[in-house]
Amino acid sequence: MKCFYLWRTKDDSGVSGTGRVAQGFIADNGKVSLFWLSEHPSVTIYDNIGEVKAIHGHSGSTEVRMEPDFKRAFHEMKSAMSEITLMDVAVNRLPPAGAAQGILKQKEPEKVVEEK
């Protein structure tokens, strides 16, 4: 499901106002539910986002602004961070000749070299 809102720069009718006037959701099947945030709240269902734009676009004075996909972004970050340790981050930020680098170098496991 994707989230969006309608942003209106000009309100010719004087009913819905300007700024963020409606919030909507696009279902996985493409259907759209639209919730009006004005003094006259209502909910409308559309077959697709194109219908919303055609009916409520008002010649460019209203635009559909998609919300970031926070859930997807979280899972992408979680996946990317799963193999990174605090040590990986710290080593690259510490002064090369600093005391902390010296301690870290002492703590590094020795590499085993196999003889052939």
PDB file of N, CA and C in Angstrom:
ATOM      1  N   MET A   1       0.840  -1.168   0.000  1.00  0.00           N
ATOM      2  CA  MET A   1       0.000   0.000   0.000  1.00  0.00           C
ATOM      3  C   MET A   1       0.890   1.237   0.000  1.00  0.00           C
ATOM      4  N   LYS A   2       0.537   2.203  -0.806  1.00  0.00           N
ATOM      5  CA  LYS A   2       1.279   3.456  -0.876  1.00  0.00           C
ATOM      6  C   LYS A   2       0.412   4.574  -0.316  1.00  0.00           C
ATOM      7  N   CYS A   3       1.039   5.507   0.375  1.00  0.00           N
ATOM      8  CA  CYS A   3       0.325   6.643   0.959  1.00  0.00           C
ATOM      9  C   CYS A   3       0.650   7.914   0.175  1.00  0.00           C
ATOM     10  N   PHE A   4      -0.316   8.792   0.096  1.00  0.00           N
ATOM     11  CA  PHE A   4      -0.110  10.080  -0.563  1.00  0.00           C
ATOM     12  C   PHE A   4      -1.044  11.115   0.048  1.00  0.00           C
ATOM     13  N   TYR A   5      -0.853  12.347  -0.345  1.00  0.00           N
ATOM     14  CA  TYR A   5      -1.810  13.385   0.020  1.00  0.00           C
ATOM     15  C   TYR A   5      -1.979  14.329  -1.157  1.00  0.00           C
ATOM     16  N   LEU A   6      -3.080  15.039  -1.147  1.00  0.00           N
ATOM     17  CA  LEU A   6      -3.324  16.052  -2.170  1.00  0.00           C
ATOM     18  C   LEU A   6      -2.890  17.396  -1.613  1.00  0.00           C
ATOM     19  N   TRP A   7      -2.064  18.086  -2.380  1.00  0.00           N
ATOM     20  CA  TRP A   7      -1.586  19.414  -2.001  1.00  0.00           C
ATOM     21  C   TRP A   7      -2.196  20.421  -2.968  1.00  0.00           C
ATOM     22  N   ARG A   8      -2.964  21.342  -2.428  1.00  0.00           N
ATOM     23  CA  ARG A   8      -3.675  22.318  -3.252  1.00  0.00           C
ATOM     24  C   ARG A   8      -3.092  23.703  -3.030  1.00  0.00           C
ATOM     25  N   THR A   9      -2.713  24.368  -4.133  1.00  0.00           N
ATOM     26  CA  THR A   9      -2.153  25.722  -4.044  1.00  0.00           C
ATOM     27  C   THR A   9      -3.210  26.800  -4.202  1.00  0.00           C
ATOM     28  N   LYS A  10      -4.339  26.428  -4.821  1.00  0.00           N
ATOM     29  CA  LYS A  10      -5.412  27.400  -5.042  1.00  0.00           C
ATOM     30  C   LYS A  10      -6.744  26.676  -4.880  1.00  0.00           C
ATOM     31  N   ASP A  11      -7.674  27.299  -4.134  1.00  0.00           N
ATOM     32  CA  ASP A  11      -8.983  26.693  -3.903  1.00  0.00           C
ATOM     33  C   ASP A  11     -10.061  27.581  -4.525  1.00  0.00           C
ATOM     34  N   ASP A  12     -10.451  27.263  -5.755  1.00  0.00           N
ATOM     35  CA  ASP A  12     -11.460  28.057  -6.463  1.00  0.00           C
ATOM     36  C   ASP A  12     -12.835  27.978  -5.813  1.00  0.00           C
ATOM     37  N   SER A  13     -13.173  26.817  -5.247  1.00  0.00           N
ATOM     38  CA  SER A  13     -14.515  26.632  -4.683  1.00  0.00           C
ATOM     39  C   SER A  13     -14.650  27.192  -3.268  1.00  0.00           C
ATOM     40  N   GLY A  14     -13.531  27.310  -2.564  1.00  0.00           N
ATOM     41  CA  GLY A  14     -13.593  27.783  -1.187  1.00  0.00           C
ATOM     42  C   GLY A  14     -14.047  26.714  -0.202  1.00  0.00           C
ATOM     43  N   VAL A  15     -14.096  25.467  -0.642  1.00  0.00           N
ATOM     44  CA  VAL A  15     -14.596  24.392   0.219  1.00  0.00           C
ATOM     45  C   VAL A  15     -13.463  23.636   0.910  1.00  0.00           C
ATOM     46  N   SER A  16     -12.487  23.193   0.154  1.00  0.00           N
ATOM     47  CA  SER A  16     -11.461  22.326   0.731  1.00  0.00           C
ATOM     48  C   SER A  16     -10.233  23.062   1.247  1.00  0.00           C
ATOM     49  N   GLY A  17     -10.035  24.306   0.873  1.00  0.00           N
ATOM     50  CA  GLY A  17      -8.890  25.076   1.334  1.00  0.00           C
ATOM     51  C   GLY A  17      -7.638  24.823   0.519  1.00  0.00           C
ATOM     52  N   THR A  18      -6.505  25.263   1.059  1.00  0.00           N
ATOM     53  CA  THR A  18      -5.219  25.083   0.385  1.00  0.00           C
ATOM     54  C   THR A  18      -4.277  24.304   1.294  1.00  0.00           C
ATOM     55  N   GLY A  19      -3.145  23.908   0.724  1.00  0.00           N
ATOM     56  CA  GLY A  19      -2.193  23.090   1.472  1.00  0.00           C
ATOM     57  C   GLY A  19      -2.591  21.625   1.388  1.00  0.00           C
ATOM     58  N   ARG A  20      -2.383  20.922   2.448  1.00  0.00           N
ATOM     59  CA  ARG A  20      -2.703  19.487   2.501  1.00  0.00           C
ATOM     60  C   ARG A  20      -4.202  19.340   2.725  1.00  0.00           C
ATOM     61  N   VAL A  21      -4.928  18.934   1.685  1.00  0.00           N
ATOM     62  CA  VAL A  21      -6.394  18.903   1.761  1.00  0.00           C
ATOM     63  C   VAL A  21      -6.989  17.504   1.843  1.00  0.00           C
ATOM     64  N   ALA A  22      -6.227  16.485   1.472  1.00  0.00           N
ATOM     65  CA  ALA A  22      -6.743  15.114   1.518  1.00  0.00           C
ATOM     66  C   ALA A  22      -5.578  14.148   1.666  1.00  0.00           C
ATOM     67  N   GLN A  23      -5.891  13.011   2.275  1.00  0.00           N
ATOM     68  CA  GLN A  23      -4.916  11.940   2.424  1.00  0.00           C
ATOM     69  C   GLN A  23      -5.457  10.716   1.725  1.00  0.00           C
ATOM     70  N   GLY A  24      -4.580   9.979   1.047  1.00  0.00           N
ATOM     71  CA  GLY A  24      -5.058   8.825   0.307  1.00  0.00           C
ATOM     72  C   GLY A  24      -4.135   7.632   0.407  1.00  0.00           C
ATOM     73  N   PHE A  25      -4.684   6.495  -0.007  1.00  0.00           N
ATOM     74  CA  PHE A  25      -3.954   5.238  -0.002  1.00  0.00           C
ATOM     75  C   PHE A  25      -4.198   4.524  -1.321  1.00  0.00           C
ATOM     76  N   ILE A  26      -3.136   4.017  -1.907  1.00  0.00           N
ATOM     77  CA  ILE A  26      -3.244   3.222  -3.129  1.00  0.00           C
ATOM     78  C   ILE A  26      -3.025   1.770  -2.727  1.00  0.00           C
ATOM     79  N   ALA A  27      -4.036   0.956  -2.907  1.00  0.00           N
ATOM     80  CA  ALA A  27      -3.942  -0.468  -2.558  1.00  0.00           C
ATOM     81  C   ALA A  27      -3.100  -1.204  -3.587  1.00  0.00           C
ATOM     82  N   ASP A  28      -2.698  -2.405  -3.247  1.00  0.00           N
ATOM     83  CA  ASP A  28      -1.889  -3.217  -4.157  1.00  0.00           C
ATOM     84  C   ASP A  28      -2.601  -3.488  -5.484  1.00  0.00           C
ATOM     85  N   ASN A  29      -3.942  -3.489  -5.480  1.00  0.00           N
ATOM     86  CA  ASN A  29      -4.694  -3.729  -6.718  1.00  0.00           C
ATOM     87  C   ASN A  29      -4.934  -2.447  -7.515  1.00  0.00           C
ATOM     88  N   GLY A  30      -4.386  -1.309  -7.057  1.00  0.00           N
ATOM     89  CA  GLY A  30      -4.507  -0.047  -7.776  1.00  0.00           C
ATOM     90  C   GLY A  30      -5.672   0.825  -7.336  1.00  0.00           C
ATOM     91  N   LYS A  31      -6.623   0.282  -6.581  1.00  0.00           N
ATOM     92  CA  LYS A  31      -7.760   1.075  -6.091  1.00  0.00           C
ATOM     93  C   LYS A  31      -7.243   2.137  -5.135  1.00  0.00           C
ATOM     94  N   VAL A  32      -7.945   3.264  -5.093  1.00  0.00           N
ATOM     95  CA  VAL A  32      -7.518   4.400  -4.284  1.00  0.00           C
ATOM     96  C   VAL A  32      -8.631   4.802  -3.321  1.00  0.00           C
ATOM     97  N   SER A  33      -8.267   5.005  -2.072  1.00  0.00           N
ATOM     98  CA  SER A  33      -9.207   5.580  -1.109  1.00  0.00           C
ATOM     99  C   SER A  33      -8.692   6.966  -0.757  1.00  0.00           C
ATOM    100  N   LEU A  34      -9.597   7.937  -0.734  1.00  0.00           N
ATOM    101  CA  LEU A  34      -9.236   9.330  -0.518  1.00  0.00           C
ATOM    102  C   LEU A  34     -10.057   9.891   0.641  1.00  0.00           C
ATOM    103  N   PHE A  35      -9.375  10.444   1.640  1.00  0.00           N
ATOM    104  CA  PHE A  35      -9.998  10.992   2.841  1.00  0.00           C
ATOM    105  C   PHE A  35      -9.802  12.501   2.847  1.00  0.00           C
ATOM    106  N   TRP A  36     -10.893  13.254   2.781  1.00  0.00           N
ATOM    107  CA  TRP A  36     -10.819  14.714   2.761  1.00  0.00           C
ATOM    108  C   TRP A  36     -10.620  15.236   4.175  1.00  0.00           C
ATOM    109  N   LEU A  37      -9.746  16.223   4.324  1.00  0.00           N
ATOM    110  CA  LEU A  37      -9.376  16.761   5.630  1.00  0.00           C
ATOM    111  C   LEU A  37     -10.015  18.114   5.911  1.00  0.00           C
ATOM    112  N   SER A  38     -11.046  18.480   5.187  1.00  0.00           N
ATOM    113  CA  SER A  38     -11.674  19.793   5.314  1.00  0.00           C
ATOM    114  C   SER A  38     -12.779  19.780   6.377  1.00  0.00           C
ATOM    115  N   GLU A  39     -13.494  20.887   6.471  1.00  0.00           N
ATOM    116  CA  GLU A  39     -14.641  20.974   7.380  1.00  0.00           C
ATOM    117  C   GLU A  39     -15.747  20.007   6.968  1.00  0.00           C
ATOM    118  N   HIS A  40     -15.700  19.543   5.727  1.00  0.00           N
ATOM    119  CA  HIS A  40     -16.696  18.616   5.187  1.00  0.00           C
ATOM    120  C   HIS A  40     -16.001  17.298   4.862  1.00  0.00           C
ATOM    121  N   PRO A  41     -15.582  16.545   5.901  1.00  0.00           N
ATOM    122  CA  PRO A  41     -14.822  15.323   5.645  1.00  0.00           C
ATOM    123  C   PRO A  41     -15.665  14.251   4.958  1.00  0.00           C
ATOM    124  N   SER A  42     -15.035  13.552   4.048  1.00  0.00           N
ATOM    125  CA  SER A  42     -15.694  12.437   3.363  1.00  0.00           C
ATOM    126  C   SER A  42     -14.623  11.476   2.879  1.00  0.00           C
ATOM    127  N   VAL A  43     -15.064  10.298   2.491  1.00  0.00           N
ATOM    128  CA  VAL A  43     -14.160   9.275   1.970  1.00  0.00           C
ATOM    129  C   VAL A  43     -14.694   8.836   0.617  1.00  0.00           C
ATOM    130  N   THR A  44     -13.796   8.737  -0.357  1.00  0.00           N
ATOM    131  CA  THR A  44     -14.197   8.341  -1.703  1.00  0.00           C
ATOM    132  C   THR A  44     -13.247   7.255  -2.194  1.00  0.00           C
ATOM    133  N   ILE A  45     -13.785   6.317  -2.954  1.00  0.00           N
ATOM    134  CA  ILE A  45     -12.985   5.235  -3.539  1.00  0.00           C
ATOM    135  C   ILE A  45     -12.932   5.441  -5.051  1.00  0.00           C
ATOM    136  N   TYR A  46     -11.741   5.299  -5.634  1.00  0.00           N
ATOM    137  CA  TYR A  46     -11.537   5.454  -7.073  1.00  0.00           C
ATOM    138  C   TYR A  46     -10.902   4.188  -7.628  1.00  0.00           C
ATOM    139  N   ASP A  47     -11.058   3.970  -8.912  1.00  0.00           N
ATOM    140  CA  ASP A  47     -10.466   2.786  -9.549  1.00  0.00           C
ATOM    141  C   ASP A  47      -8.946   2.880  -9.673  1.00  0.00           C
ATOM    142  N   ASN A  48      -8.408   4.111  -9.778  1.00  0.00           N
ATOM    143  CA  ASN A  48      -6.964   4.280  -9.908  1.00  0.00           C
ATOM    144  C   ASN A  48      -6.571   5.723  -9.612  1.00  0.00           C
ATOM    145  N   ILE A  49      -5.294   5.970  -9.481  1.00  0.00           N
ATOM    146  CA  ILE A  49      -4.795   7.305  -9.151  1.00  0.00           C
ATOM    147  C   ILE A  49      -5.022   8.295 -10.293  1.00  0.00           C
ATOM    148  N   GLY A  50      -5.108   7.788 -11.518  1.00  0.00           N
ATOM    149  CA  GLY A  50      -5.387   8.658 -12.673  1.00  0.00           C
ATOM    150  C   GLY A  50      -6.728   9.345 -12.543  1.00  0.00           C
ATOM    151  N   GLU A  51      -7.721   8.628 -12.012  1.00  0.00           N
ATOM    152  CA  GLU A  51      -9.037   9.239 -11.802  1.00  0.00           C
ATOM    153  C   GLU A  51      -8.963  10.366 -10.770  1.00  0.00           C
ATOM    154  N   VAL A  52      -8.200  10.148  -9.723  1.00  0.00           N
ATOM    155  CA  VAL A  52      -8.046  11.177  -8.691  1.00  0.00           C
ATOM    156  C   VAL A  52      -7.438  12.435  -9.306  1.00  0.00           C
ATOM    157  N   LYS A  53      -6.394  12.258 -10.098  1.00  0.00           N
ATOM    158  CA  LYS A  53      -5.736  13.403 -10.733  1.00  0.00           C
ATOM    159  C   LYS A  53      -6.680  14.115 -11.699  1.00  0.00           C
ATOM    160  N   ALA A  54      -7.435  13.344 -12.477  1.00  0.00           N
ATOM    161  CA  ALA A  54      -8.343  13.935 -13.465  1.00  0.00           C
ATOM    162  C   ALA A  54      -9.460  14.727 -12.793  1.00  0.00           C
ATOM    163  N   ILE A  55      -9.991  14.201 -11.709  1.00  0.00           N
ATOM    164  CA  ILE A  55     -11.133  14.842 -11.053  1.00  0.00           C
ATOM    165  C   ILE A  55     -10.704  15.977 -10.129  1.00  0.00           C
ATOM    166  N   HIS A  56      -9.608  15.802  -9.401  1.00  0.00           N
ATOM    167  CA  HIS A  56      -9.240  16.764  -8.365  1.00  0.00           C
ATOM    168  C   HIS A  56      -7.994  17.580  -8.689  1.00  0.00           C
ATOM    169  N   GLY A  57      -7.432  17.415  -9.875  1.00  0.00           N
ATOM    170  CA  GLY A  57      -6.223  18.139 -10.249  1.00  0.00           C
ATOM    171  C   GLY A  57      -6.422  19.621 -10.445  1.00  0.00           C
ATOM    172  N   HIS A  58      -7.632  20.030 -10.826  1.00  0.00           N
ATOM    173  CA  HIS A  58      -7.982  21.446 -11.021  1.00  0.00           C
ATOM    174  C   HIS A  58      -6.936  22.197 -11.845  1.00  0.00           C
ATOM    175  N   SER A  59      -6.616  21.652 -13.006  1.00  0.00           N
ATOM    176  CA  SER A  59      -5.688  22.281 -13.963  1.00  0.00           C
ATOM    177  C   SER A  59      -4.335  22.620 -13.345  1.00  0.00           C
ATOM    178  N   GLY A  60      -3.857  21.749 -12.492  1.00  0.00           N
ATOM    179  CA  GLY A  60      -2.527  21.943 -11.922  1.00  0.00           C
ATOM    180  C   GLY A  60      -2.498  22.607 -10.556  1.00  0.00           C
ATOM    181  N   SER A  61      -3.633  23.046 -10.034  1.00  0.00           N
ATOM    182  CA  SER A  61      -3.610  23.695  -8.719  1.00  0.00           C
ATOM    183  C   SER A  61      -3.620  22.686  -7.569  1.00  0.00           C
ATOM    184  N   THR A  62      -3.786  21.406  -7.902  1.00  0.00           N
ATOM    185  CA  THR A  62      -3.712  20.345  -6.893  1.00  0.00           C
ATOM    186  C   THR A  62      -2.796  19.255  -7.419  1.00  0.00           C
ATOM    187  N   GLU A  63      -1.868  18.830  -6.581  1.00  0.00           N
ATOM    188  CA  GLU A  63      -0.951  17.779  -7.001  1.00  0.00           C
ATOM    189  C   GLU A  63      -0.972  16.616  -6.011  1.00  0.00           C
ATOM    190  N   VAL A  64      -0.666  15.436  -6.530  1.00  0.00           N
ATOM    191  CA  VAL A  64      -0.541  14.242  -5.704  1.00  0.00           C
ATOM    192  C   VAL A  64       0.901  14.183  -5.230  1.00  0.00           C
ATOM    193  N   ARG A  65       1.090  14.163  -3.914  1.00  0.00           N
ATOM    194  CA  ARG A  65       2.430  14.054  -3.335  1.00  0.00           C
ATOM    195  C   ARG A  65       2.523  12.722  -2.592  1.00  0.00           C
ATOM    196  N   MET A  66       3.401  11.877  -3.084  1.00  0.00           N
ATOM    197  CA  MET A  66       3.568  10.559  -2.483  1.00  0.00           C
ATOM    198  C   MET A  66       4.365  10.662  -1.185  1.00  0.00           C
ATOM    199  N   GLU A  67       3.938   9.908  -0.180  1.00  0.00           N
ATOM    200  CA  GLU A  67       4.663   9.825   1.086  1.00  0.00           C
ATOM    201  C   GLU A  67       5.796   8.808   0.917  1.00  0.00           C
ATOM    202  N   PRO A  68       6.890   9.002   1.635  1.00  0.00           N
ATOM    203  CA  PRO A  68       7.969   8.002   1.582  1.00  0.00           C
ATOM    204  C   PRO A  68       7.470   6.649   2.088  1.00  0.00           C
ATOM    205  N   ASP A  69       8.030   5.595   1.563  1.00  0.00           N
ATOM    206  CA  ASP A  69       7.672   4.242   1.990  1.00  0.00           C
ATOM    207  C   ASP A  69       8.572   3.886   3.177  1.00  0.00           C
ATOM    208  N   PHE A  70       8.144   4.321   4.380  1.00  0.00           N
ATOM    209  CA  PHE A  70       8.967   4.160   5.574  1.00  0.00           C
ATOM    210  C   PHE A  70       9.215   2.699   5.923  1.00  0.00           C
ATOM    211  N   LYS A  71       8.223   1.855   5.744  1.00  0.00           N
ATOM    212  CA  LYS A  71       8.382   0.444   6.086  1.00  0.00           C
ATOM    213  C   LYS A  71       9.454  -0.199   5.204  1.00  0.00           C
ATOM    214  N   ARG A  72       9.402   0.078   3.916  1.00  0.00           N
ATOM    215  CA  ARG A  72      10.398  -0.478   3.001  1.00  0.00           C
ATOM    216  C   ARG A  72      11.782   0.073   3.326  1.00  0.00           C
ATOM    217  N   ALA A  73      11.852   1.376   3.587  1.00  0.00           N
ATOM    218  CA  ALA A  73      13.130   1.997   3.907  1.00  0.00           C
ATOM    219  C   ALA A  73      13.734   1.383   5.171  1.00  0.00           C
ATOM    220  N   PHE A  74      12.895   1.136   6.176  1.00  0.00           N
ATOM    221  CA  PHE A  74      13.373   0.519   7.413  1.00  0.00           C
ATOM    222  C   PHE A  74      13.980  -0.853   7.133  1.00  0.00           C
ATOM    223  N   HIS A  75      13.283  -1.667   6.361  1.00  0.00           N
ATOM    224  CA  HIS A  75      13.778  -3.015   6.073  1.00  0.00           C
ATOM    225  C   HIS A  75      15.053  -2.982   5.226  1.00  0.00           C
ATOM    226  N   GLU A  76      15.158  -2.018   4.317  1.00  0.00           N
ATOM    227  CA  GLU A  76      16.392  -1.876   3.538  1.00  0.00           C
ATOM    228  C   GLU A  76      17.557  -1.505   4.452  1.00  0.00           C
ATOM    229  N   MET A  77      17.320  -0.569   5.377  1.00  0.00           N
ATOM    230  CA  MET A  77      18.376  -0.162   6.308  1.00  0.00           C
ATOM    231  C   MET A  77      18.757  -1.312   7.229  1.00  0.00           C
ATOM    232  N   LYS A  78      17.765  -2.026   7.714  1.00  0.00           N
ATOM    233  CA  LYS A  78      18.015  -3.155   8.614  1.00  0.00           C
ATOM    234  C   LYS A  78      18.879  -4.206   7.912  1.00  0.00           C
ATOM    235  N   SER A  79      18.556  -4.493   6.673  1.00  0.00           N
ATOM    236  CA  SER A  79      19.315  -5.467   5.905  1.00  0.00           C
ATOM    237  C   SER A  79      20.744  -4.990   5.671  1.00  0.00           C
ATOM    238  N   ALA A  80      20.890  -3.722   5.322  1.00  0.00           N
ATOM    239  CA  ALA A  80      22.223  -3.170   5.050  1.00  0.00           C
ATOM    240  C   ALA A  80      23.079  -3.138   6.305  1.00  0.00           C
ATOM    241  N   MET A  81      22.457  -2.916   7.457  1.00  0.00           N
ATOM    242  CA  MET A  81      23.198  -2.785   8.709  1.00  0.00           C
ATOM    243  C   MET A  81      23.448  -4.117   9.402  1.00  0.00           C
ATOM    244  N   SER A  82      22.826  -5.186   8.934  1.00  0.00           N
ATOM    245  CA  SER A  82      22.898  -6.459   9.651  1.00  0.00           C
ATOM    246  C   SER A  82      24.321  -7.008   9.766  1.00  0.00           C
ATOM    247  N   GLU A  83      25.199  -6.652   8.851  1.00  0.00           N
ATOM    248  CA  GLU A  83      26.555  -7.192   8.882  1.00  0.00           C
ATOM    249  C   GLU A  83      27.592  -6.160   9.308  1.00  0.00           C
ATOM    250  N   ILE A  84      27.144  -4.981   9.732  1.00  0.00           N
ATOM    251  CA  ILE A  84      28.074  -3.935  10.155  1.00  0.00           C
ATOM    252  C   ILE A  84      28.112  -3.906  11.675  1.00  0.00           C
ATOM    253  N   THR A  85      29.311  -3.836  12.222  1.00  0.00           N
ATOM    254  CA  THR A  85      29.461  -3.744  13.672  1.00  0.00           C
ATOM    255  C   THR A  85      29.881  -2.333  14.057  1.00  0.00           C
ATOM    256  N   LEU A  86      29.768  -2.037  15.328  1.00  0.00           N
ATOM    257  CA  LEU A  86      30.223  -0.748  15.835  1.00  0.00           C
ATOM    258  C   LEU A  86      31.714  -0.579  15.578  1.00  0.00           C
ATOM    259  N   MET A  87      32.440  -1.663  15.661  1.00  0.00           N
ATOM    260  CA  MET A  87      33.882  -1.630  15.416  1.00  0.00           C
ATOM    261  C   MET A  87      34.182  -1.188  13.989  1.00  0.00           C
ATOM    262  N   ASP A  88      33.397  -1.675  13.024  1.00  0.00           N
ATOM    263  CA  ASP A  88      33.594  -1.290  11.625  1.00  0.00           C
ATOM    264  C   ASP A  88      33.469   0.214  11.450  1.00  0.00           C
ATOM    265  N   VAL A  89      32.519   0.796  12.122  1.00  0.00           N
ATOM    266  CA  VAL A  89      32.274   2.236  12.011  1.00  0.00           C
ATOM    267  C   VAL A  89      33.353   3.012  12.750  1.00  0.00           C
ATOM    268  N   ALA A  90      33.683   2.582  13.958  1.00  0.00           N
ATOM    269  CA  ALA A  90      34.638   3.312  14.794  1.00  0.00           C
ATOM    270  C   ALA A  90      36.034   3.355  14.193  1.00  0.00           C
ATOM    271  N   VAL A  91      36.508   2.252  13.655  1.00  0.00           N
ATOM    272  CA  VAL A  91      37.873   2.172  13.123  1.00  0.00           C
ATOM    273  C   VAL A  91      38.119   3.248  12.070  1.00  0.00           C
ATOM    274  N   ASN A  92      37.152   3.511  11.226  1.00  0.00           N
ATOM    275  CA  ASN A  92      37.328   4.484  10.147  1.00  0.00           C
ATOM    276  C   ASN A  92      37.214   5.928  10.623  1.00  0.00           C
ATOM    277  N   ARG A  93      36.776   6.158  11.846  1.00  0.00           N
ATOM    278  CA  ARG A  93      36.581   7.518  12.335  1.00  0.00           C
ATOM    279  C   ARG A  93      37.623   7.941  13.375  1.00  0.00           C
ATOM    280  N   LEU A  94      38.379   7.003  13.871  1.00  0.00           N
ATOM    281  CA  LEU A  94      39.377   7.324  14.896  1.00  0.00           C
ATOM    282  C   LEU A  94      40.666   7.840  14.263  1.00  0.00           C
ATOM    283  N   PRO A  95      41.382   8.721  14.985  1.00  0.00           N
ATOM    284  CA  PRO A  95      42.672   9.195  14.458  1.00  0.00           C
ATOM    285  C   PRO A  95      43.624   8.010  14.282  1.00  0.00           C
ATOM    286  N   PRO A  96      44.326   7.948  13.154  1.00  0.00           N
ATOM    287  CA  PRO A  96      45.201   6.805  12.868  1.00  0.00           C
ATOM    288  C   PRO A  96      46.257   6.549  13.934  1.00  0.00           C
ATOM    289  N   ALA A  97      46.782   7.599  14.529  1.00  0.00           N
ATOM    290  CA  ALA A  97      47.839   7.412  15.530  1.00  0.00           C
ATOM    291  C   ALA A  97      47.297   7.575  16.949  1.00  0.00           C
ATOM    292  N   GLY A  98      46.006   7.557  17.117  1.00  0.00           N
ATOM    293  CA  GLY A  98      45.398   7.771  18.430  1.00  0.00           C
ATOM    294  C   GLY A  98      45.482   6.560  19.336  1.00  0.00           C
ATOM    295  N   ALA A  99      45.232   6.795  20.616  1.00  0.00           N
ATOM    296  CA  ALA A  99      45.294   5.740  21.627  1.00  0.00           C
ATOM    297  C   ALA A  99      44.255   4.661  21.350  1.00  0.00           C
ATOM    298  N   ALA A 100      43.071   5.055  20.906  1.00  0.00           N
ATOM    299  CA  ALA A 100      42.010   4.077  20.647  1.00  0.00           C
ATOM    300  C   ALA A 100      42.402   3.131  19.512  1.00  0.00           C
ATOM    301  N   GLN A 101      43.027   3.666  18.458  1.00  0.00           N
ATOM    302  CA  GLN A 101      43.473   2.809  17.356  1.00  0.00           C
ATOM    303  C   GLN A 101      44.489   1.792  17.859  1.00  0.00           C
ATOM    304  N   GLY A 102      45.374   2.236  18.767  1.00  0.00           N
ATOM    305  CA  GLY A 102      46.377   1.333  19.321  1.00  0.00           C
ATOM    306  C   GLY A 102      45.734   0.186  20.089  1.00  0.00           C
ATOM    307  N   ILE A 103      44.705   0.514  20.866  1.00  0.00           N
ATOM    308  CA  ILE A 103      44.004  -0.523  21.618  1.00  0.00           C
ATOM    309  C   ILE A 103      43.296  -1.482  20.669  1.00  0.00           C
ATOM    310  N   LEU A 104      42.644  -0.933  19.647  1.00  0.00           N
ATOM    311  CA  LEU A 104      41.930  -1.778  18.692  1.00  0.00           C
ATOM    312  C   LEU A 104      42.886  -2.721  17.964  1.00  0.00           C
ATOM    313  N   LYS A 105      44.057  -2.220  17.619  1.00  0.00           N
ATOM    314  CA  LYS A 105      45.026  -3.068  16.909  1.00  0.00           C
ATOM    315  C   LYS A 105      45.493  -4.215  17.789  1.00  0.00           C
ATOM    316  N   GLN A 106      45.585  -3.969  19.099  1.00  0.00           N
ATOM    317  CA  GLN A 106      45.967  -5.037  20.026  1.00  0.00           C
ATOM    318  C   GLN A 106      44.879  -6.092  20.122  1.00  0.00           C
ATOM    319  N   LYS A 107      43.637  -5.676  19.958  1.00  0.00           N
ATOM    320  CA  LYS A 107      42.498  -6.579  20.113  1.00  0.00           C
ATOM    321  C   LYS A 107      42.165  -7.364  18.853  1.00  0.00           C
ATOM    322  N   GLU A 108      42.747  -6.970  17.711  1.00  0.00           N
ATOM    323  CA  GLU A 108      42.433  -7.661  16.467  1.00  0.00           C
ATOM    324  C   GLU A 108      42.900  -9.103  16.533  1.00  0.00           C
ATOM    325  N   PRO A 109      42.058 -10.041  16.114  1.00  0.00           N
ATOM    326  CA  PRO A 109      42.472 -11.451  16.130  1.00  0.00           C
ATOM    327  C   PRO A 109      43.586 -11.681  15.112  1.00  0.00           C
ATOM    328  N   GLU A 110      44.491 -12.561  15.488  1.00  0.00           N
ATOM    329  CA  GLU A 110      45.592 -12.879  14.583  1.00  0.00           C
ATOM    330  C   GLU A 110      45.078 -13.701  13.417  1.00  0.00           C
ATOM    331  N   LYS A 111      45.633 -13.426  12.264  1.00  0.00           N
ATOM    332  CA  LYS A 111      45.237 -14.181  11.082  1.00  0.00           C
ATOM    333  C   LYS A 111      46.039 -15.473  11.021  1.00  0.00           C
ATOM    334  N   VAL A 112      45.332 -16.541  10.738  1.00  0.00           N
ATOM    335  CA  VAL A 112      45.988 -17.845  10.637  1.00  0.00           C
ATOM    336  C   VAL A 112      46.392 -18.069   9.193  1.00  0.00           C
ATOM    337  N   VAL A 113      47.662 -18.365   8.993  1.00  0.00           N
ATOM    338  CA  VAL A 113      48.161 -18.619   7.654  1.00  0.00           C
ATOM    339  C   VAL A 113      48.431 -20.111   7.543  1.00  0.00           C
ATOM    340  N   GLU A 114      47.796 -20.718   6.594  1.00  0.00           N
ATOM    341  CA  GLU A 114      47.993 -22.153   6.405  1.00  0.00           C
ATOM    342  C   GLU A 114      49.254 -22.391   5.588  1.00  0.00           C
ATOM    343  N   GLU A 115      50.033 -23.386   6.020  1.00  0.00           N
ATOM    344  CA  GLU A 115      51.237 -23.751   5.279  1.00  0.00           C
ATOM    345  C   GLU A 115      50.879 -24.757   4.203  1.00  0.00           C
ATOM    346  N   LYS A 116      51.534 -24.638   3.061  1.00  0.00           N
ATOM    347  CA  LYS A 116      51.261 -25.543   1.951  1.00  0.00           C
ATOM    348  C   LYS A 116      52.302 -26.605   1.865  1.00  0.00           C
TER     349      LYS A 116
END
